[in-house]
Amino acid sequence: MTAQLAADLQHNGQLFLDAPAELYVPELAALNDPPSDSRRVMVRDLLNHTAGFVTDDPRADRQIAITHEQFDDGLASAEPFSYAPEETWEYSNLGYAMTGRIIENVSGESYEQRLH
């Protein structure tokens, strides 16, 4: 559903999948730089699990009920990169959580509202 909501926003001209994710969620700029001199994470990277984030399977369920402030605090202290963006595929709930925040910021509605 998250990918479909993002695709709908792109279709309506509100979101660009090949734009830097931090354009839509400025808090993402606080992430430590990815390895080497790679480019910033794009929205499409979040959806494709190619952002370069460390796998987050063991803690993924803990992200479901956190507030925006807790999410932002987690981003500020995270060292999420194990690869440069687009270098490899690695499943990431964090990438989809970030996409959910992008959907909220772009649409002006909560993620839950967009689902209905």
N, C-alpha and C. Protein backbone atom coordinates (compact mmCIF):
# COMPACT_ATOMS: atom_id res chain seq x y z
N MET A 1 0.81 -1.20 0.00
CA MET A 1 0.00 0.00 0.00
C MET A 1 0.86 1.27 0.00
N THR A 2 1.95 1.22 0.71
CA THR A 2 2.82 2.41 0.78
C THR A 2 3.33 2.78 -0.60
N ALA A 3 3.80 1.81 -1.34
CA ALA A 3 4.30 2.09 -2.68
C ALA A 3 3.20 2.62 -3.58
N GLN A 4 1.99 2.09 -3.45
CA GLN A 4 0.87 2.55 -4.27
C GLN A 4 0.51 4.00 -3.93
N LEU A 5 0.51 4.34 -2.64
CA LEU A 5 0.23 5.72 -2.25
C LEU A 5 1.29 6.67 -2.81
N ALA A 6 2.54 6.26 -2.77
CA ALA A 6 3.62 7.08 -3.33
C ALA A 6 3.45 7.23 -4.84
N ALA A 7 3.09 6.13 -5.50
CA ALA A 7 2.88 6.19 -6.96
C ALA A 7 1.72 7.11 -7.30
N ASP A 8 0.66 7.07 -6.50
CA ASP A 8 -0.49 7.96 -6.73
C ASP A 8 -0.07 9.43 -6.61
N LEU A 9 0.73 9.73 -5.60
CA LEU A 9 1.19 11.11 -5.43
C LEU A 9 2.09 11.54 -6.58
N GLN A 10 2.90 10.63 -7.09
CA GLN A 10 3.72 10.97 -8.26
C GLN A 10 2.83 11.21 -9.47
N HIS A 11 1.84 10.35 -9.66
CA HIS A 11 0.92 10.51 -10.79
C HIS A 11 0.23 11.87 -10.75
N ASN A 12 -0.06 12.36 -9.54
CA ASN A 12 -0.72 13.65 -9.37
C ASN A 12 0.27 14.82 -9.39
N GLY A 13 1.55 14.54 -9.60
CA GLY A 13 2.55 15.60 -9.68
C GLY A 13 2.97 16.16 -8.33
N GLN A 14 2.63 15.48 -7.23
CA GLN A 14 2.96 15.98 -5.90
C GLN A 14 4.27 15.41 -5.36
N LEU A 15 4.75 14.33 -5.94
CA LEU A 15 5.92 13.63 -5.45
C LEU A 15 6.73 13.16 -6.66
N PHE A 16 8.03 13.23 -6.52
CA PHE A 16 8.91 12.74 -7.58
C PHE A 16 9.81 11.66 -7.01
N LEU A 17 9.67 10.45 -7.51
CA LEU A 17 10.40 9.31 -6.97
C LEU A 17 11.91 9.45 -7.13
N ASP A 18 12.36 10.22 -8.09
CA ASP A 18 13.79 10.39 -8.31
C ASP A 18 14.34 11.66 -7.66
N ALA A 19 13.58 12.21 -6.72
CA ALA A 19 14.04 13.37 -5.96
C ALA A 19 14.69 12.88 -4.66
N PRO A 20 15.61 13.67 -4.11
CA PRO A 20 16.17 13.29 -2.80
C PRO A 20 15.06 13.21 -1.76
N ALA A 21 15.09 12.16 -0.96
CA ALA A 21 14.05 11.95 0.05
C ALA A 21 14.00 13.11 1.04
N GLU A 22 15.15 13.71 1.33
CA GLU A 22 15.18 14.80 2.30
C GLU A 22 14.45 16.06 1.80
N LEU A 23 14.16 16.13 0.52
CA LEU A 23 13.35 17.23 -0.02
C LEU A 23 11.96 17.22 0.62
N TYR A 24 11.45 16.04 0.90
CA TYR A 24 10.11 15.87 1.45
C TYR A 24 10.11 15.68 2.96
N VAL A 25 11.21 15.23 3.51
CA VAL A 25 11.35 15.06 4.96
C VAL A 25 12.73 15.62 5.33
N PRO A 26 12.77 16.91 5.66
CA PRO A 26 14.07 17.54 5.93
C PRO A 26 14.86 16.85 7.04
N GLU A 27 14.17 16.18 7.96
CA GLU A 27 14.86 15.48 9.04
C GLU A 27 15.80 14.39 8.52
N LEU A 28 15.55 13.91 7.32
CA LEU A 28 16.40 12.87 6.74
C LEU A 28 17.80 13.39 6.45
N ALA A 29 17.93 14.68 6.30
CA ALA A 29 19.26 15.25 6.05
C ALA A 29 20.18 15.05 7.24
N ALA A 30 19.59 14.78 8.42
CA ALA A 30 20.38 14.56 9.62
C ALA A 30 21.04 13.18 9.65
N LEU A 31 20.63 12.29 8.75
CA LEU A 31 21.25 10.97 8.70
C LEU A 31 22.73 11.11 8.39
N ASN A 32 23.50 10.28 9.03
CA ASN A 32 24.93 10.27 8.70
C ASN A 32 25.09 9.96 7.22
N ASP A 33 26.08 10.55 6.63
CA ASP A 33 26.30 10.36 5.19
C ASP A 33 26.52 8.88 4.86
N PRO A 34 26.00 8.47 3.73
CA PRO A 34 26.28 7.09 3.29
C PRO A 34 27.77 6.93 3.00
N PRO A 35 28.23 5.70 2.92
CA PRO A 35 29.65 5.47 2.68
C PRO A 35 30.13 6.09 1.37
N SER A 36 31.37 6.43 1.33
CA SER A 36 32.05 7.00 0.16
C SER A 36 31.41 8.31 -0.27
N ASP A 37 31.63 8.69 -1.49
CA ASP A 37 31.09 9.95 -2.01
C ASP A 37 29.82 9.70 -2.80
N SER A 38 28.96 8.86 -2.31
CA SER A 38 27.73 8.52 -3.03
C SER A 38 26.72 9.65 -2.94
N ARG A 39 25.72 9.54 -3.77
CA ARG A 39 24.65 10.54 -3.79
C ARG A 39 23.73 10.34 -2.60
N ARG A 40 22.84 11.30 -2.40
CA ARG A 40 21.85 11.22 -1.32
C ARG A 40 20.81 10.15 -1.66
N VAL A 41 20.06 9.74 -0.68
CA VAL A 41 19.01 8.74 -0.86
C VAL A 41 17.83 9.37 -1.58
N MET A 42 17.36 8.71 -2.62
CA MET A 42 16.19 9.15 -3.38
C MET A 42 14.95 8.41 -2.86
N VAL A 43 13.78 8.98 -3.12
CA VAL A 43 12.53 8.33 -2.71
C VAL A 43 12.46 6.93 -3.31
N ARG A 44 12.83 6.78 -4.56
CA ARG A 44 12.79 5.48 -5.22
C ARG A 44 13.66 4.45 -4.49
N ASP A 45 14.80 4.89 -3.92
CA ASP A 45 15.65 3.99 -3.16
C ASP A 45 14.92 3.42 -1.94
N LEU A 46 14.13 4.26 -1.29
CA LEU A 46 13.38 3.80 -0.13
C LEU A 46 12.40 2.71 -0.52
N LEU A 47 11.73 2.91 -1.64
CA LEU A 47 10.73 1.95 -2.11
C LEU A 47 11.36 0.66 -2.63
N ASN A 48 12.54 0.76 -3.20
CA ASN A 48 13.20 -0.41 -3.80
C ASN A 48 14.11 -1.15 -2.83
N HIS A 49 14.21 -0.68 -1.58
CA HIS A 49 15.11 -1.27 -0.60
C HIS A 49 16.56 -1.18 -1.08
N THR A 50 16.90 -0.08 -1.73
CA THR A 50 18.26 0.13 -2.22
C THR A 50 18.87 1.41 -1.65
N ALA A 51 18.36 1.87 -0.50
CA ALA A 51 18.88 3.09 0.11
C ALA A 51 20.24 2.87 0.76
N GLY A 52 20.57 1.59 1.03
CA GLY A 52 21.84 1.28 1.66
C GLY A 52 21.75 1.12 3.17
N PHE A 53 20.52 1.08 3.70
CA PHE A 53 20.34 0.97 5.14
C PHE A 53 20.70 -0.42 5.66
N VAL A 54 21.16 -0.44 6.89
CA VAL A 54 21.40 -1.69 7.60
C VAL A 54 20.05 -2.36 7.78
N THR A 55 20.00 -3.68 7.60
CA THR A 55 18.74 -4.37 7.79
C THR A 55 18.20 -4.11 9.19
N ASP A 56 16.91 -3.93 9.31
CA ASP A 56 16.31 -3.57 10.60
C ASP A 56 15.24 -4.56 11.03
N ASP A 57 15.30 -5.77 10.53
CA ASP A 57 14.29 -6.76 10.87
C ASP A 57 14.09 -6.96 12.37
N PRO A 58 15.15 -7.07 13.19
CA PRO A 58 14.93 -7.34 14.61
C PRO A 58 14.17 -6.24 15.35
N ARG A 59 14.24 -5.00 14.88
CA ARG A 59 13.58 -3.91 15.60
C ARG A 59 12.44 -3.28 14.82
N ALA A 60 12.07 -3.85 13.72
CA ALA A 60 11.09 -3.23 12.85
C ALA A 60 9.73 -3.06 13.50
N ASP A 61 9.27 -4.05 14.21
CA ASP A 61 7.95 -3.96 14.83
C ASP A 61 7.86 -2.86 15.87
N ARG A 62 8.98 -2.47 16.43
CA ARG A 62 8.98 -1.40 17.43
C ARG A 62 8.72 -0.03 16.82
N GLN A 63 8.81 0.10 15.50
CA GLN A 63 8.58 1.39 14.84
C GLN A 63 7.11 1.66 14.59
N ILE A 64 6.28 0.66 14.72
CA ILE A 64 4.88 0.79 14.34
C ILE A 64 4.15 1.85 15.16
N ALA A 65 4.34 1.85 16.46
CA ALA A 65 3.54 2.72 17.32
C ALA A 65 4.30 3.93 17.86
N ILE A 66 5.39 4.32 17.26
CA ILE A 66 6.14 5.45 17.78
C ILE A 66 5.59 6.76 17.21
N THR A 67 5.85 7.83 17.95
CA THR A 67 5.40 9.16 17.52
C THR A 67 6.37 9.73 16.48
N HIS A 68 5.96 10.81 15.84
CA HIS A 68 6.85 11.49 14.89
C HIS A 68 8.11 11.96 15.60
N GLU A 69 7.97 12.46 16.82
CA GLU A 69 9.12 12.95 17.56
C GLU A 69 10.10 11.81 17.86
N GLN A 70 9.58 10.66 18.26
CA GLN A 70 10.44 9.51 18.52
C GLN A 70 11.14 9.05 17.24
N PHE A 71 10.43 9.07 16.15
CA PHE A 71 11.02 8.69 14.86
C PHE A 71 12.16 9.64 14.51
N ASP A 72 11.91 10.95 14.67
CA ASP A 72 12.93 11.96 14.37
C ASP A 72 14.15 11.78 15.27
N ASP A 73 13.92 11.50 16.56
CA ASP A 73 15.03 11.27 17.49
C ASP A 73 15.85 10.06 17.05
N GLY A 74 15.16 9.02 16.59
CA GLY A 74 15.85 7.82 16.11
C GLY A 74 16.69 8.11 14.89
N LEU A 75 16.17 8.96 14.00
CA LEU A 75 16.93 9.33 12.81
C LEU A 75 18.19 10.11 13.19
N ALA A 76 18.04 10.99 14.16
CA ALA A 76 19.17 11.84 14.55
C ALA A 76 20.32 11.02 15.13
N SER A 77 20.00 9.89 15.76
CA SER A 77 21.05 9.10 16.39
C SER A 77 21.42 7.86 15.59
N ALA A 78 20.77 7.64 14.47
CA ALA A 78 20.99 6.41 13.70
C ALA A 78 22.27 6.46 12.88
N GLU A 79 22.83 5.32 12.69
CA GLU A 79 23.90 5.12 11.72
C GLU A 79 23.42 4.02 10.79
N PRO A 80 22.49 4.37 9.90
CA PRO A 80 21.77 3.33 9.18
C PRO A 80 22.47 2.74 7.96
N PHE A 81 23.54 3.34 7.49
CA PHE A 81 24.09 2.90 6.21
C PHE A 81 25.11 1.77 6.35
N SER A 82 24.90 0.77 5.54
CA SER A 82 25.92 -0.27 5.41
C SER A 82 26.46 -0.29 3.98
N TYR A 83 25.75 0.39 3.08
CA TYR A 83 26.14 0.47 1.66
C TYR A 83 25.79 1.86 1.14
N ALA A 84 26.37 2.21 0.04
CA ALA A 84 25.97 3.43 -0.65
C ALA A 84 24.63 3.20 -1.33
N PRO A 85 23.81 4.25 -1.48
CA PRO A 85 22.53 4.07 -2.17
C PRO A 85 22.73 3.45 -3.55
N GLU A 86 21.87 2.55 -3.90
CA GLU A 86 21.82 1.82 -5.18
C GLU A 86 22.90 0.76 -5.32
N GLU A 87 23.77 0.62 -4.33
CA GLU A 87 24.86 -0.35 -4.44
C GLU A 87 24.35 -1.79 -4.35
N THR A 88 23.38 -2.02 -3.47
CA THR A 88 22.84 -3.37 -3.31
C THR A 88 21.44 -3.29 -2.73
N TRP A 89 20.75 -4.42 -2.73
CA TRP A 89 19.41 -4.52 -2.18
C TRP A 89 19.50 -5.10 -0.78
N GLU A 90 18.81 -4.47 0.17
CA GLU A 90 18.70 -5.04 1.51
C GLU A 90 17.38 -4.57 2.10
N TYR A 91 16.56 -5.53 2.51
CA TYR A 91 15.23 -5.22 3.03
C TYR A 91 15.32 -4.21 4.15
N SER A 92 14.43 -3.20 4.12
CA SER A 92 14.46 -2.16 5.14
C SER A 92 13.06 -1.65 5.46
N ASN A 93 12.61 -1.95 6.66
CA ASN A 93 11.37 -1.35 7.15
C ASN A 93 11.55 0.15 7.35
N LEU A 94 12.75 0.56 7.72
CA LEU A 94 13.03 1.97 7.91
C LEU A 94 12.75 2.76 6.64
N GLY A 95 13.12 2.22 5.50
CA GLY A 95 12.86 2.90 4.24
C GLY A 95 11.37 3.11 4.00
N TYR A 96 10.57 2.13 4.34
CA TYR A 96 9.13 2.27 4.16
C TYR A 96 8.52 3.19 5.22
N ALA A 97 9.07 3.18 6.43
CA ALA A 97 8.62 4.13 7.45
C ALA A 97 8.90 5.56 6.98
N MET A 98 10.06 5.77 6.38
CA MET A 98 10.40 7.09 5.83
C MET A 98 9.46 7.47 4.69
N THR A 99 9.12 6.50 3.86
CA THR A 99 8.19 6.77 2.76
C THR A 99 6.82 7.15 3.31
N GLY A 100 6.40 6.49 4.39
CA GLY A 100 5.15 6.87 5.04
C GLY A 100 5.15 8.31 5.49
N ARG A 101 6.28 8.75 6.06
CA ARG A 101 6.39 10.15 6.49
C ARG A 101 6.36 11.08 5.29
N ILE A 102 7.00 10.68 4.19
CA ILE A 102 6.96 11.49 2.96
C ILE A 102 5.52 11.63 2.49
N ILE A 103 4.78 10.54 2.48
CA ILE A 103 3.38 10.56 2.05
C ILE A 103 2.58 11.53 2.92
N GLU A 104 2.81 11.50 4.22
CA GLU A 104 2.09 12.42 5.12
C GLU A 104 2.46 13.87 4.83
N ASN A 105 3.74 14.15 4.68
CA ASN A 105 4.18 15.52 4.46
C ASN A 105 3.68 16.07 3.12
N VAL A 106 3.69 15.24 2.10
CA VAL A 106 3.28 15.69 0.76
C VAL A 106 1.77 15.86 0.68
N SER A 107 1.03 14.92 1.25
CA SER A 107 -0.43 14.94 1.11
C SER A 107 -1.12 15.83 2.15
N GLY A 108 -0.45 16.07 3.28
CA GLY A 108 -1.09 16.83 4.34
C GLY A 108 -2.06 16.00 5.16
N GLU A 109 -2.08 14.69 4.94
CA GLU A 109 -2.95 13.77 5.67
C GLU A 109 -2.09 12.72 6.37
N SER A 110 -2.65 12.14 7.42
CA SER A 110 -1.93 11.06 8.08
C SER A 110 -1.90 9.85 7.15
N TYR A 111 -0.95 9.00 7.39
CA TYR A 111 -0.82 7.78 6.58
C TYR A 111 -2.12 6.97 6.66
N GLU A 112 -2.68 6.87 7.86
CA GLU A 112 -3.91 6.11 8.05
C GLU A 112 -5.07 6.71 7.23
N GLN A 113 -5.17 8.03 7.20
CA GLN A 113 -6.22 8.67 6.40
C GLN A 113 -6.06 8.35 4.92
N ARG A 114 -4.83 8.34 4.45
CA ARG A 114 -4.58 8.06 3.03
C ARG A 114 -4.97 6.64 2.66
N LEU A 115 -4.90 5.72 3.62
CA LEU A 115 -5.26 4.33 3.33
C LEU A 115 -6.75 4.14 3.12
N HIS A 116 -7.54 5.04 3.66
CA HIS A 116 -9.01 4.86 3.58
C HIS A 116 -9.64 5.67 2.50
